[in-house]
Amino acid sequence: MEKSRMTKSIPAPAVRRLTLYLQHLEELLARGAGRISSRELAESLQLTGAQVRRDLAYFGQFGRRGVGYEAASLAGNLREILGADKTQSIILVGAGDLGRALARYRGFPQRGFKLVAAFDVSPKKIGKKIGSLTIQHIREMPAIVKRDNIRLALLTTPATVAQEVADQLDLAGVRGILSFAPGVLQTSKPLAVGQVDLASNLQQLAFSIASEE
């Protein structure tokens, strides 16, 4: 089955859990782990062994009953499934406080991502440096997306312009956006959008805390 067709039939929560499995496996490998059982992998993430086995079964057969998984091999398979076995270039649109903080995040290379360009519209920011990157005007974005075959973008603009910028990214050929702007973006397929709403997440946490008091 083609990967694009297979991915459509896999529940999104299962894909999200794969990233947690990979993160934990990498921690175990750093400590010299050789094999791990589904139960051990599940307990570290407050799941069940059956859940781990179901999630992995969407992608193939990786372990042996009663023996478990060879940690390095399973980690390698998960990296390939998630596309983390090769470096993917990403761009940043919106060089405000949050954008600058993300641009300085050192965890991207460890997860297979490389931030290659940053864009804004403010004359006060264009030409300034974020780490090794020089902030460029967003009008330069389509040419760079095409030249470097960029498929992923981080969107950290104000909510008032987020939809407009998302449309520009779509037209430029970007296929995936991780948006930190409040509100839901209206996009056309096959553009995929992930939403990170910090305020909403904090409100949900506050509700959980209040319900326990």
N, C-alpha and C. Protein backbone atom coordinates (compact mmCIF):
# COMPACT_ATOMS: atom_id res chain seq x y z
N MET A 1 0.84 -1.19 0.00
CA MET A 1 0.00 0.00 0.00
C MET A 1 0.87 1.24 0.00
N GLU A 2 0.49 2.27 -0.80
CA GLU A 2 1.25 3.49 -0.84
C GLU A 2 1.15 4.19 0.51
N LYS A 3 2.26 4.86 0.90
CA LYS A 3 2.29 5.49 2.21
C LYS A 3 1.21 6.55 2.34
N SER A 4 0.97 7.35 1.28
CA SER A 4 -0.03 8.41 1.35
C SER A 4 -1.42 7.84 1.59
N ARG A 5 -1.74 6.70 0.94
CA ARG A 5 -3.04 6.05 1.12
C ARG A 5 -3.12 5.40 2.49
N MET A 6 -2.05 4.77 2.94
CA MET A 6 -2.04 4.11 4.23
C MET A 6 -2.25 5.11 5.35
N THR A 7 -1.60 6.28 5.26
CA THR A 7 -1.67 7.27 6.32
C THR A 7 -3.09 7.75 6.56
N LYS A 8 -3.89 7.86 5.49
CA LYS A 8 -5.26 8.34 5.63
C LYS A 8 -6.11 7.41 6.47
N SER A 9 -5.78 6.13 6.55
CA SER A 9 -6.59 5.16 7.29
C SER A 9 -6.15 4.99 8.73
N ILE A 10 -5.12 5.70 9.15
CA ILE A 10 -4.58 5.56 10.50
C ILE A 10 -5.11 6.68 11.39
N PRO A 11 -5.67 6.36 12.55
CA PRO A 11 -6.19 7.40 13.45
C PRO A 11 -5.09 8.38 13.86
N ALA A 12 -5.44 9.67 13.90
CA ALA A 12 -4.47 10.70 14.27
C ALA A 12 -3.87 10.46 15.66
N PRO A 13 -4.65 10.02 16.67
CA PRO A 13 -4.05 9.77 17.98
C PRO A 13 -2.94 8.72 17.93
N ALA A 14 -3.09 7.72 17.06
CA ALA A 14 -2.06 6.69 16.94
C ALA A 14 -0.77 7.28 16.41
N VAL A 15 -0.88 8.18 15.44
CA VAL A 15 0.30 8.84 14.89
C VAL A 15 0.97 9.70 15.95
N ARG A 16 0.17 10.42 16.73
CA ARG A 16 0.74 11.25 17.80
C ARG A 16 1.47 10.40 18.82
N ARG A 17 0.91 9.23 19.13
CA ARG A 17 1.59 8.36 20.10
C ARG A 17 2.91 7.82 19.56
N LEU A 18 3.01 7.66 18.25
CA LEU A 18 4.28 7.20 17.67
C LEU A 18 5.42 8.12 18.05
N THR A 19 5.15 9.43 18.05
CA THR A 19 6.21 10.38 18.40
C THR A 19 6.65 10.20 19.85
N LEU A 20 5.70 9.84 20.72
CA LEU A 20 6.04 9.59 22.13
C LEU A 20 6.84 8.30 22.26
N TYR A 21 6.46 7.27 21.50
CA TYR A 21 7.22 6.02 21.53
C TYR A 21 8.66 6.27 21.09
N LEU A 22 8.82 7.03 20.03
CA LEU A 22 10.17 7.29 19.52
C LEU A 22 10.98 8.08 20.53
N GLN A 23 10.38 9.07 21.14
CA GLN A 23 11.09 9.87 22.13
C GLN A 23 11.57 9.00 23.29
N HIS A 24 10.68 8.13 23.77
CA HIS A 24 11.07 7.27 24.90
C HIS A 24 12.13 6.25 24.48
N LEU A 25 12.00 5.70 23.29
CA LEU A 25 13.01 4.76 22.80
C LEU A 25 14.38 5.40 22.71
N GLU A 26 14.42 6.64 22.24
CA GLU A 26 15.70 7.33 22.13
C GLU A 26 16.33 7.57 23.50
N GLU A 27 15.48 7.84 24.49
CA GLU A 27 15.99 7.99 25.86
C GLU A 27 16.55 6.67 26.36
N LEU A 28 15.86 5.57 26.07
CA LEU A 28 16.32 4.25 26.49
C LEU A 28 17.63 3.87 25.79
N LEU A 29 17.72 4.17 24.51
CA LEU A 29 18.94 3.85 23.76
C LEU A 29 20.13 4.63 24.31
N ALA A 30 19.87 5.86 24.73
CA ALA A 30 20.95 6.67 25.31
C ALA A 30 21.46 6.07 26.61
N ARG A 31 20.58 5.27 27.26
CA ARG A 31 20.99 4.60 28.51
C ARG A 31 21.47 3.18 28.26
N GLY A 32 21.58 2.80 26.98
CA GLY A 32 22.14 1.50 26.64
C GLY A 32 21.14 0.37 26.56
N ALA A 33 19.85 0.67 26.38
CA ALA A 33 18.84 -0.38 26.31
C ALA A 33 19.02 -1.23 25.05
N GLY A 34 18.70 -2.53 25.18
CA GLY A 34 18.77 -3.43 24.04
C GLY A 34 17.39 -3.82 23.55
N ARG A 35 16.60 -4.41 24.44
CA ARG A 35 15.23 -4.81 24.10
C ARG A 35 14.24 -4.15 25.05
N ILE A 36 13.01 -4.03 24.57
CA ILE A 36 11.95 -3.47 25.39
C ILE A 36 10.64 -4.16 25.02
N SER A 37 9.80 -4.40 26.01
CA SER A 37 8.50 -5.03 25.75
C SER A 37 7.45 -3.94 25.54
N SER A 38 6.33 -4.33 24.97
CA SER A 38 5.23 -3.38 24.78
C SER A 38 4.73 -2.88 26.14
N ARG A 39 4.76 -3.76 27.15
CA ARG A 39 4.32 -3.35 28.48
C ARG A 39 5.23 -2.28 29.05
N GLU A 40 6.55 -2.47 28.91
CA GLU A 40 7.50 -1.48 29.42
C GLU A 40 7.36 -0.15 28.70
N LEU A 41 7.16 -0.20 27.40
CA LEU A 41 6.99 1.02 26.63
C LEU A 41 5.68 1.71 27.01
N ALA A 42 4.65 0.92 27.28
CA ALA A 42 3.34 1.48 27.63
C ALA A 42 3.35 2.13 29.00
N GLU A 43 3.95 1.47 29.98
CA GLU A 43 3.92 1.97 31.35
C GLU A 43 4.59 3.33 31.46
N SER A 44 5.63 3.57 30.69
CA SER A 44 6.33 4.85 30.76
C SER A 44 5.46 5.99 30.26
N LEU A 45 4.43 5.65 29.44
CA LEU A 45 3.57 6.67 28.86
C LEU A 45 2.14 6.58 29.39
N GLN A 46 1.95 5.79 30.44
CA GLN A 46 0.64 5.61 31.07
C GLN A 46 -0.39 5.08 30.07
N LEU A 47 0.04 4.10 29.28
CA LEU A 47 -0.83 3.42 28.33
C LEU A 47 -0.86 1.94 28.69
N THR A 48 -1.47 1.13 27.84
CA THR A 48 -1.46 -0.32 28.02
C THR A 48 -0.62 -0.95 26.93
N GLY A 49 -0.11 -2.15 27.22
CA GLY A 49 0.66 -2.86 26.21
C GLY A 49 -0.16 -3.13 24.96
N ALA A 50 -1.45 -3.40 25.16
CA ALA A 50 -2.33 -3.66 24.02
C ALA A 50 -2.44 -2.44 23.12
N GLN A 51 -2.48 -1.26 23.71
CA GLN A 51 -2.56 -0.02 22.93
C GLN A 51 -1.30 0.17 22.08
N VAL A 52 -0.14 -0.08 22.69
CA VAL A 52 1.12 0.04 21.96
C VAL A 52 1.14 -0.92 20.78
N ARG A 53 0.74 -2.17 21.03
CA ARG A 53 0.76 -3.17 19.96
C ARG A 53 -0.20 -2.80 18.83
N ARG A 54 -1.38 -2.27 19.19
CA ARG A 54 -2.34 -1.85 18.16
C ARG A 54 -1.77 -0.71 17.32
N ASP A 55 -1.16 0.26 17.98
CA ASP A 55 -0.60 1.40 17.25
C ASP A 55 0.48 0.96 16.28
N LEU A 56 1.38 0.11 16.74
CA LEU A 56 2.48 -0.33 15.90
C LEU A 56 1.99 -1.23 14.77
N ALA A 57 0.91 -1.98 15.02
CA ALA A 57 0.40 -2.91 14.00
C ALA A 57 -0.11 -2.19 12.75
N TYR A 58 -0.45 -0.89 12.88
CA TYR A 58 -0.88 -0.14 11.70
C TYR A 58 0.23 -0.06 10.67
N PHE A 59 1.47 -0.17 11.13
CA PHE A 59 2.62 0.07 10.26
C PHE A 59 3.44 -1.18 9.94
N GLY A 60 3.14 -2.29 10.61
CA GLY A 60 3.86 -3.51 10.31
C GLY A 60 4.09 -4.35 11.55
N GLN A 61 4.90 -5.39 11.39
CA GLN A 61 5.22 -6.30 12.50
C GLN A 61 6.66 -6.02 12.92
N PHE A 62 6.84 -5.50 14.14
CA PHE A 62 8.16 -5.07 14.57
C PHE A 62 8.77 -5.92 15.69
N GLY A 63 7.95 -6.64 16.42
CA GLY A 63 8.47 -7.42 17.54
C GLY A 63 8.05 -8.87 17.46
N ARG A 64 8.46 -9.65 18.46
CA ARG A 64 8.10 -11.06 18.54
C ARG A 64 7.44 -11.33 19.87
N ARG A 65 6.39 -12.10 19.83
CA ARG A 65 5.62 -12.42 21.04
C ARG A 65 6.53 -13.07 22.08
N GLY A 66 6.51 -12.55 23.27
CA GLY A 66 7.30 -13.09 24.35
C GLY A 66 8.75 -12.63 24.35
N VAL A 67 9.15 -11.94 23.30
CA VAL A 67 10.55 -11.47 23.18
C VAL A 67 10.62 -9.95 23.24
N GLY A 68 9.62 -9.30 22.67
CA GLY A 68 9.59 -7.84 22.67
C GLY A 68 10.22 -7.25 21.43
N TYR A 69 10.68 -6.01 21.56
CA TYR A 69 11.23 -5.27 20.43
C TYR A 69 12.71 -4.99 20.64
N GLU A 70 13.45 -5.09 19.56
CA GLU A 70 14.84 -4.64 19.60
C GLU A 70 14.79 -3.12 19.51
N ALA A 71 15.25 -2.43 20.55
CA ALA A 71 15.01 -0.99 20.70
C ALA A 71 15.57 -0.17 19.54
N ALA A 72 16.79 -0.45 19.13
CA ALA A 72 17.40 0.34 18.06
C ALA A 72 16.67 0.15 16.74
N SER A 73 16.27 -1.09 16.46
CA SER A 73 15.55 -1.37 15.22
C SER A 73 14.18 -0.71 15.21
N LEU A 74 13.46 -0.78 16.33
CA LEU A 74 12.14 -0.16 16.41
C LEU A 74 12.26 1.35 16.27
N ALA A 75 13.25 1.94 16.93
CA ALA A 75 13.45 3.39 16.81
C ALA A 75 13.73 3.78 15.36
N GLY A 76 14.53 2.99 14.68
CA GLY A 76 14.83 3.27 13.29
C GLY A 76 13.59 3.20 12.41
N ASN A 77 12.75 2.20 12.67
CA ASN A 77 11.50 2.06 11.91
C ASN A 77 10.57 3.24 12.16
N LEU A 78 10.48 3.68 13.41
CA LEU A 78 9.61 4.80 13.73
C LEU A 78 10.12 6.10 13.11
N ARG A 79 11.44 6.28 13.09
CA ARG A 79 12.00 7.47 12.44
C ARG A 79 11.62 7.50 10.95
N GLU A 80 11.70 6.34 10.32
CA GLU A 80 11.35 6.27 8.90
C GLU A 80 9.87 6.56 8.68
N ILE A 81 9.01 5.99 9.52
CA ILE A 81 7.58 6.21 9.40
C ILE A 81 7.23 7.69 9.57
N LEU A 82 7.88 8.33 10.55
CA LEU A 82 7.59 9.73 10.85
C LEU A 82 8.36 10.70 9.97
N GLY A 83 9.22 10.18 9.11
CA GLY A 83 10.01 11.04 8.25
C GLY A 83 11.19 11.68 8.94
N ALA A 84 11.54 11.17 10.13
CA ALA A 84 12.64 11.74 10.89
C ALA A 84 13.98 11.11 10.55
N ASP A 85 13.97 10.20 9.58
CA ASP A 85 15.23 9.56 9.18
C ASP A 85 15.99 10.43 8.18
N LYS A 86 15.36 11.51 7.73
CA LYS A 86 16.03 12.46 6.84
C LYS A 86 15.67 13.86 7.29
N THR A 87 16.55 14.80 7.02
CA THR A 87 16.34 16.17 7.46
C THR A 87 15.32 16.87 6.56
N GLN A 88 14.31 17.49 7.18
CA GLN A 88 13.30 18.24 6.45
C GLN A 88 13.47 19.73 6.74
N SER A 89 13.50 20.52 5.69
CA SER A 89 13.65 21.96 5.84
C SER A 89 12.31 22.59 6.20
N ILE A 90 12.35 23.57 7.10
CA ILE A 90 11.15 24.29 7.49
C ILE A 90 11.43 25.79 7.46
N ILE A 91 10.35 26.57 7.32
CA ILE A 91 10.48 28.02 7.36
C ILE A 91 9.62 28.56 8.50
N LEU A 92 9.93 29.78 8.92
CA LEU A 92 9.20 30.46 9.98
C LEU A 92 8.61 31.74 9.42
N VAL A 93 7.33 31.95 9.64
CA VAL A 93 6.68 33.19 9.22
C VAL A 93 6.13 33.89 10.45
N GLY A 94 6.70 35.04 10.76
CA GLY A 94 6.33 35.78 11.96
C GLY A 94 7.50 35.82 12.92
N ALA A 95 8.24 36.93 12.93
CA ALA A 95 9.46 37.02 13.73
C ALA A 95 9.25 37.86 14.99
N GLY A 96 8.11 37.66 15.64
CA GLY A 96 7.87 38.31 16.93
C GLY A 96 8.57 37.55 18.04
N ASP A 97 8.16 37.78 19.28
CA ASP A 97 8.82 37.15 20.42
C ASP A 97 8.76 35.63 20.33
N LEU A 98 7.57 35.08 20.03
CA LEU A 98 7.42 33.63 19.94
C LEU A 98 8.22 33.08 18.77
N GLY A 99 8.15 33.76 17.63
CA GLY A 99 8.90 33.32 16.46
C GLY A 99 10.39 33.27 16.72
N ARG A 100 10.90 34.29 17.38
CA ARG A 100 12.34 34.32 17.69
C ARG A 100 12.71 33.20 18.65
N ALA A 101 11.82 32.93 19.62
CA ALA A 101 12.10 31.84 20.56
C ALA A 101 12.15 30.51 19.83
N LEU A 102 11.21 30.27 18.92
CA LEU A 102 11.20 29.02 18.16
C LEU A 102 12.44 28.92 17.27
N ALA A 103 12.86 30.04 16.70
CA ALA A 103 14.02 30.03 15.81
C ALA A 103 15.29 29.64 16.56
N ARG A 104 15.30 29.88 17.86
CA ARG A 104 16.48 29.55 18.66
C ARG A 104 16.39 28.16 19.30
N TYR A 105 15.28 27.49 19.08
CA TYR A 105 15.09 26.16 19.67
C TYR A 105 16.10 25.17 19.09
N ARG A 106 16.84 24.51 19.96
CA ARG A 106 17.91 23.63 19.50
C ARG A 106 17.46 22.19 19.28
N GLY A 107 16.20 21.92 19.55
CA GLY A 107 15.73 20.54 19.42
C GLY A 107 15.34 20.13 18.02
N PHE A 108 15.21 21.09 17.11
CA PHE A 108 14.79 20.74 15.75
C PHE A 108 15.73 19.74 15.07
N PRO A 109 17.04 19.99 15.06
CA PRO A 109 17.93 19.04 14.37
C PRO A 109 17.85 17.62 14.91
N GLN A 110 17.65 17.50 16.23
CA GLN A 110 17.56 16.17 16.83
C GLN A 110 16.33 15.41 16.35
N ARG A 111 15.32 16.13 15.89
CA ARG A 111 14.08 15.51 15.41
C ARG A 111 13.98 15.49 13.89
N GLY A 112 15.06 15.85 13.22
CA GLY A 112 15.08 15.75 11.78
C GLY A 112 14.59 16.98 11.03
N PHE A 113 14.64 18.15 11.68
CA PHE A 113 14.18 19.38 11.04
C PHE A 113 15.29 20.44 11.03
N LYS A 114 15.28 21.25 9.99
CA LYS A 114 16.25 22.33 9.88
C LYS A 114 15.53 23.61 9.48
N LEU A 115 15.61 24.62 10.33
CA LEU A 115 15.00 25.90 10.01
C LEU A 115 15.91 26.64 9.04
N VAL A 116 15.39 26.92 7.85
CA VAL A 116 16.24 27.47 6.79
C VAL A 116 15.93 28.92 6.44
N ALA A 117 14.79 29.46 6.87
CA ALA A 117 14.46 30.84 6.52
C ALA A 117 13.41 31.38 7.48
N ALA A 118 13.44 32.70 7.71
CA ALA A 118 12.47 33.38 8.56
C ALA A 118 11.95 34.61 7.83
N PHE A 119 10.64 34.87 7.97
CA PHE A 119 10.01 35.96 7.22
C PHE A 119 9.14 36.82 8.13
N ASP A 120 9.00 38.08 7.74
CA ASP A 120 8.13 39.02 8.44
C ASP A 120 7.80 40.14 7.46
N VAL A 121 6.97 41.11 7.90
CA VAL A 121 6.67 42.27 7.06
C VAL A 121 7.12 43.57 7.71
N SER A 122 7.54 43.50 8.96
CA SER A 122 7.92 44.71 9.68
C SER A 122 9.30 45.21 9.22
N PRO A 123 9.37 46.47 8.78
CA PRO A 123 10.69 47.03 8.40
C PRO A 123 11.70 47.01 9.53
N LYS A 124 11.20 47.03 10.78
CA LYS A 124 12.11 47.01 11.93
C LYS A 124 12.76 45.65 12.14
N LYS A 125 12.15 44.60 11.57
CA LYS A 125 12.68 43.25 11.76
C LYS A 125 13.43 42.73 10.55
N ILE A 126 13.03 43.15 9.36
CA ILE A 126 13.66 42.66 8.14
C ILE A 126 15.13 43.07 8.11
N GLY A 127 15.97 42.11 7.83
CA GLY A 127 17.41 42.35 7.81
C GLY A 127 18.09 42.04 9.12
N LYS A 128 17.29 41.88 10.21
CA LYS A 128 17.86 41.52 11.51
C LYS A 128 18.15 40.02 11.54
N LYS A 129 18.98 39.63 12.49
CA LYS A 129 19.40 38.24 12.62
C LYS A 129 18.61 37.51 13.70
N ILE A 130 18.27 36.27 13.42
CA ILE A 130 17.81 35.32 14.44
C ILE A 130 18.76 34.14 14.35
N GLY A 131 19.67 34.06 15.29
CA GLY A 131 20.70 33.02 15.18
C GLY A 131 21.50 33.23 13.91
N SER A 132 21.53 32.22 13.05
CA SER A 132 22.28 32.32 11.80
C SER A 132 21.41 32.80 10.64
N LEU A 133 20.11 33.02 10.89
CA LEU A 133 19.19 33.42 9.83
C LEU A 133 18.99 34.92 9.80
N THR A 134 18.84 35.46 8.60
CA THR A 134 18.49 36.85 8.41
C THR A 134 17.01 36.93 8.06
N ILE A 135 16.24 37.72 8.80
CA ILE A 135 14.81 37.84 8.55
C ILE A 135 14.58 38.51 7.20
N GLN A 136 13.75 37.88 6.38
CA GLN A 136 13.45 38.40 5.05
C GLN A 136 11.99 38.83 4.95
N HIS A 137 11.69 39.66 3.96
CA HIS A 137 10.30 40.08 3.74
C HIS A 137 9.52 38.88 3.19
N ILE A 138 8.25 38.80 3.58
CA ILE A 138 7.45 37.64 3.18
C ILE A 138 7.28 37.55 1.66
N ARG A 139 7.47 38.65 0.96
CA ARG A 139 7.33 38.57 -0.49
C ARG A 139 8.42 37.68 -1.11
N GLU A 140 9.50 37.44 -0.37
CA GLU A 140 10.56 36.57 -0.85
C GLU A 140 10.23 35.10 -0.63
N MET A 141 9.19 34.85 0.18
CA MET A 141 8.88 33.48 0.59
C MET A 141 8.57 32.52 -0.56
N PRO A 142 7.68 32.88 -1.51
CA PRO A 142 7.35 31.91 -2.57
C PRO A 142 8.57 31.42 -3.36
N ALA A 143 9.48 32.31 -3.67
CA ALA A 143 10.65 31.91 -4.44
C ALA A 143 11.53 30.96 -3.65
N ILE A 144 11.67 31.18 -2.34
CA ILE A 144 12.51 30.32 -1.52
C ILE A 144 11.85 28.96 -1.31
N VAL A 145 10.53 28.96 -1.13
CA VAL A 145 9.80 27.70 -1.00
C VAL A 145 9.99 26.85 -2.24
N LYS A 146 9.89 27.47 -3.41
CA LYS A 146 10.05 26.74 -4.66
C LYS A 146 11.50 26.29 -4.85
N ARG A 147 12.44 27.18 -4.58
CA ARG A 147 13.85 26.86 -4.80
C ARG A 147 14.32 25.72 -3.92
N ASP A 148 13.92 25.74 -2.65
CA ASP A 148 14.40 24.73 -1.69
C ASP A 148 13.40 23.61 -1.45
N ASN A 149 12.31 23.59 -2.22
CA ASN A 149 11.29 22.55 -2.09
C ASN A 149 10.79 22.43 -0.65
N ILE A 150 10.45 23.55 -0.05
CA ILE A 150 9.99 23.59 1.33
C ILE A 150 8.56 23.06 1.41
N ARG A 151 8.30 22.19 2.37
CA ARG A 151 6.97 21.64 2.53
C ARG A 151 6.34 21.94 3.89
N LEU A 152 7.14 22.45 4.84
CA LEU A 152 6.64 22.68 6.19
C LEU A 152 6.93 24.10 6.64
N ALA A 153 5.98 24.68 7.39
CA ALA A 153 6.15 26.05 7.87
C ALA A 153 5.64 26.19 9.30
N LEU A 154 6.29 27.05 10.06
CA LEU A 154 5.82 27.47 11.38
C LEU A 154 5.18 28.83 11.22
N LEU A 155 3.96 29.00 11.71
CA LEU A 155 3.23 30.25 11.56
C LEU A 155 3.03 30.88 12.93
N THR A 156 3.66 32.03 13.15
CA THR A 156 3.59 32.70 14.46
C THR A 156 3.17 34.16 14.29
N THR A 157 2.34 34.43 13.31
CA THR A 157 1.86 35.78 13.08
C THR A 157 0.70 36.11 14.01
N PRO A 158 0.31 37.39 14.12
CA PRO A 158 -0.92 37.72 14.85
C PRO A 158 -2.13 37.06 14.19
N ALA A 159 -3.16 36.82 14.98
CA ALA A 159 -4.35 36.14 14.47
C ALA A 159 -5.00 36.90 13.32
N THR A 160 -4.89 38.23 13.33
CA THR A 160 -5.56 39.05 12.32
C THR A 160 -5.05 38.80 10.91
N VAL A 161 -3.83 38.31 10.78
CA VAL A 161 -3.26 38.08 9.44
C VAL A 161 -2.94 36.61 9.19
N ALA A 162 -3.23 35.75 10.15
CA ALA A 162 -2.84 34.35 10.04
C ALA A 162 -3.48 33.68 8.82
N GLN A 163 -4.77 33.93 8.58
CA GLN A 163 -5.44 33.29 7.45
C GLN A 163 -4.82 33.74 6.12
N GLU A 164 -4.55 35.02 6.01
CA GLU A 164 -3.94 35.55 4.79
C GLU A 164 -2.58 34.91 4.54
N VAL A 165 -1.77 34.79 5.59
CA VAL A 165 -0.44 34.20 5.44
C VAL A 165 -0.55 32.72 5.11
N ALA A 166 -1.50 32.03 5.74
CA ALA A 166 -1.70 30.61 5.44
C ALA A 166 -2.06 30.41 3.97
N ASP A 167 -2.88 31.31 3.44
CA ASP A 167 -3.24 31.22 2.02
C ASP A 167 -2.01 31.42 1.14
N GLN A 168 -1.14 32.34 1.53
CA GLN A 168 0.10 32.58 0.77
C GLN A 168 1.01 31.35 0.81
N LEU A 169 1.11 30.73 1.97
CA LEU A 169 1.93 29.53 2.10
C LEU A 169 1.37 28.40 1.24
N ASP A 170 0.05 28.28 1.23
CA ASP A 170 -0.62 27.26 0.42
C ASP A 170 -0.30 27.48 -1.06
N LEU A 171 -0.46 28.69 -1.52
CA LEU A 171 -0.20 29.01 -2.93
C LEU A 171 1.27 28.80 -3.30
N ALA A 172 2.15 29.03 -2.33
CA ALA A 172 3.58 28.88 -2.59
C ALA A 172 4.00 27.43 -2.72
N GLY A 173 3.17 26.50 -2.19
CA GLY A 173 3.50 25.09 -2.30
C GLY A 173 3.79 24.39 -0.99
N VAL A 174 3.67 25.13 0.14
CA VAL A 174 3.85 24.51 1.45
C VAL A 174 2.69 23.53 1.67
N ARG A 175 2.99 22.37 2.23
CA ARG A 175 1.98 21.33 2.40
C ARG A 175 1.60 21.09 3.86
N GLY A 176 2.34 21.68 4.79
CA GLY A 176 2.02 21.50 6.19
C GLY A 176 2.35 22.76 6.98
N ILE A 177 1.42 23.21 7.83
CA ILE A 177 1.62 24.40 8.65
C ILE A 177 1.39 24.05 10.11
N LEU A 178 2.32 24.41 10.96
CA LEU A 178 2.10 24.34 12.41
C LEU A 178 1.83 25.77 12.86
N SER A 179 0.57 26.04 13.19
CA SER A 179 0.16 27.41 13.51
C SER A 179 0.10 27.63 15.01
N PHE A 180 0.70 28.74 15.45
CA PHE A 180 0.64 29.17 16.84
C PHE A 180 -0.31 30.35 16.99
N ALA A 181 -1.00 30.71 15.91
CA ALA A 181 -1.94 31.82 15.94
C ALA A 181 -3.29 31.36 16.46
N PRO A 182 -3.93 32.14 17.34
CA PRO A 182 -5.26 31.77 17.83
C PRO A 182 -6.26 31.69 16.68
N GLY A 183 -7.23 30.81 16.81
CA GLY A 183 -8.25 30.68 15.79
C GLY A 183 -7.98 29.53 14.84
N VAL A 184 -9.03 29.13 14.14
CA VAL A 184 -8.96 28.00 13.21
C VAL A 184 -8.72 28.52 11.80
N LEU A 185 -7.75 27.95 11.12
CA LEU A 185 -7.44 28.35 9.75
C LEU A 185 -8.29 27.55 8.77
N GLN A 186 -8.81 28.22 7.78
CA GLN A 186 -9.56 27.56 6.71
C GLN A 186 -8.60 27.30 5.55
N THR A 187 -8.34 26.04 5.27
CA THR A 187 -7.36 25.71 4.24
C THR A 187 -7.92 24.65 3.30
N SER A 188 -7.33 24.57 2.13
CA SER A 188 -7.74 23.58 1.14
C SER A 188 -6.83 22.36 1.22
N LYS A 189 -7.37 21.22 0.87
CA LYS A 189 -6.55 20.01 0.81
C LYS A 189 -5.62 20.14 -0.39
N PRO A 190 -4.40 19.55 -0.34
CA PRO A 190 -3.89 18.65 0.69
C PRO A 190 -3.11 19.34 1.80
N LEU A 191 -3.31 20.65 1.99
CA LEU A 191 -2.59 21.34 3.05
C LEU A 191 -3.03 20.84 4.41
N ALA A 192 -2.08 20.44 5.24
CA ALA A 192 -2.36 19.96 6.59
C ALA A 192 -1.99 21.04 7.59
N VAL A 193 -2.82 21.22 8.60
CA VAL A 193 -2.59 22.27 9.59
C VAL A 193 -2.62 21.67 10.99
N GLY A 194 -1.57 21.96 11.75
CA GLY A 194 -1.54 21.62 13.17
C GLY A 194 -1.69 22.90 13.96
N GLN A 195 -2.45 22.85 15.05
CA GLN A 195 -2.76 24.06 15.81
C GLN A 195 -2.17 23.95 17.21
N VAL A 196 -1.42 24.98 17.60
CA VAL A 196 -0.89 25.07 18.96
C VAL A 196 -1.42 26.36 19.56
N ASP A 197 -2.43 26.24 20.41
CA ASP A 197 -3.03 27.41 21.06
C ASP A 197 -2.63 27.39 22.53
N LEU A 198 -1.61 28.15 22.87
CA LEU A 198 -1.05 28.11 24.22
C LEU A 198 -2.08 28.55 25.26
N ALA A 199 -2.84 29.60 24.96
CA ALA A 199 -3.82 30.10 25.93
C ALA A 199 -4.91 29.07 26.18
N SER A 200 -5.38 28.41 25.11
CA SER A 200 -6.42 27.39 25.28
C SER A 200 -5.92 26.21 26.10
N ASN A 201 -4.67 25.81 25.84
CA ASN A 201 -4.09 24.70 26.61
C ASN A 201 -3.99 25.06 28.09
N LEU A 202 -3.60 26.30 28.37
CA LEU A 202 -3.52 26.74 29.77
C LEU A 202 -4.90 26.77 30.41
N GLN A 203 -5.91 27.20 29.64
CA GLN A 203 -7.28 27.22 30.18
C GLN A 203 -7.75 25.81 30.51
N GLN A 204 -7.42 24.85 29.67
CA GLN A 204 -7.80 23.46 29.93
C GLN A 204 -7.10 22.94 31.18
N LEU A 205 -5.84 23.30 31.34
CA LEU A 205 -5.12 22.90 32.56
C LEU A 205 -5.73 23.55 33.80
N ALA A 206 -6.07 24.83 33.68
CA ALA A 206 -6.68 25.54 34.80
C ALA A 206 -8.00 24.89 35.19
N PHE A 207 -8.78 24.48 34.19
CA PHE A 207 -10.04 23.79 34.47
C PHE A 207 -9.79 22.47 35.19
N SER A 208 -8.80 21.73 34.74
CA SER A 208 -8.49 20.44 35.38
C SER A 208 -8.08 20.63 36.82
N ILE A 209 -7.29 21.65 37.08
CA ILE A 209 -6.85 21.91 38.44
C ILE A 209 -8.05 22.32 39.31
N ALA A 210 -8.88 23.20 38.77
CA ALA A 210 -10.04 23.69 39.53
C ALA A 210 -11.01 22.55 39.86
N SER A 211 -11.15 21.60 38.93
CA SER A 211 -12.10 20.50 39.16
C SER A 211 -11.62 19.55 40.23
N GLU A 212 -10.33 19.60 40.55
CA GLU A 212 -9.77 18.70 41.57
C GLU A 212 -9.76 19.34 42.94
N GLU A 213 -10.02 20.63 43.01
CA GLU A 213 -9.96 21.33 44.31
C GLU A 213 -11.28 21.22 45.06
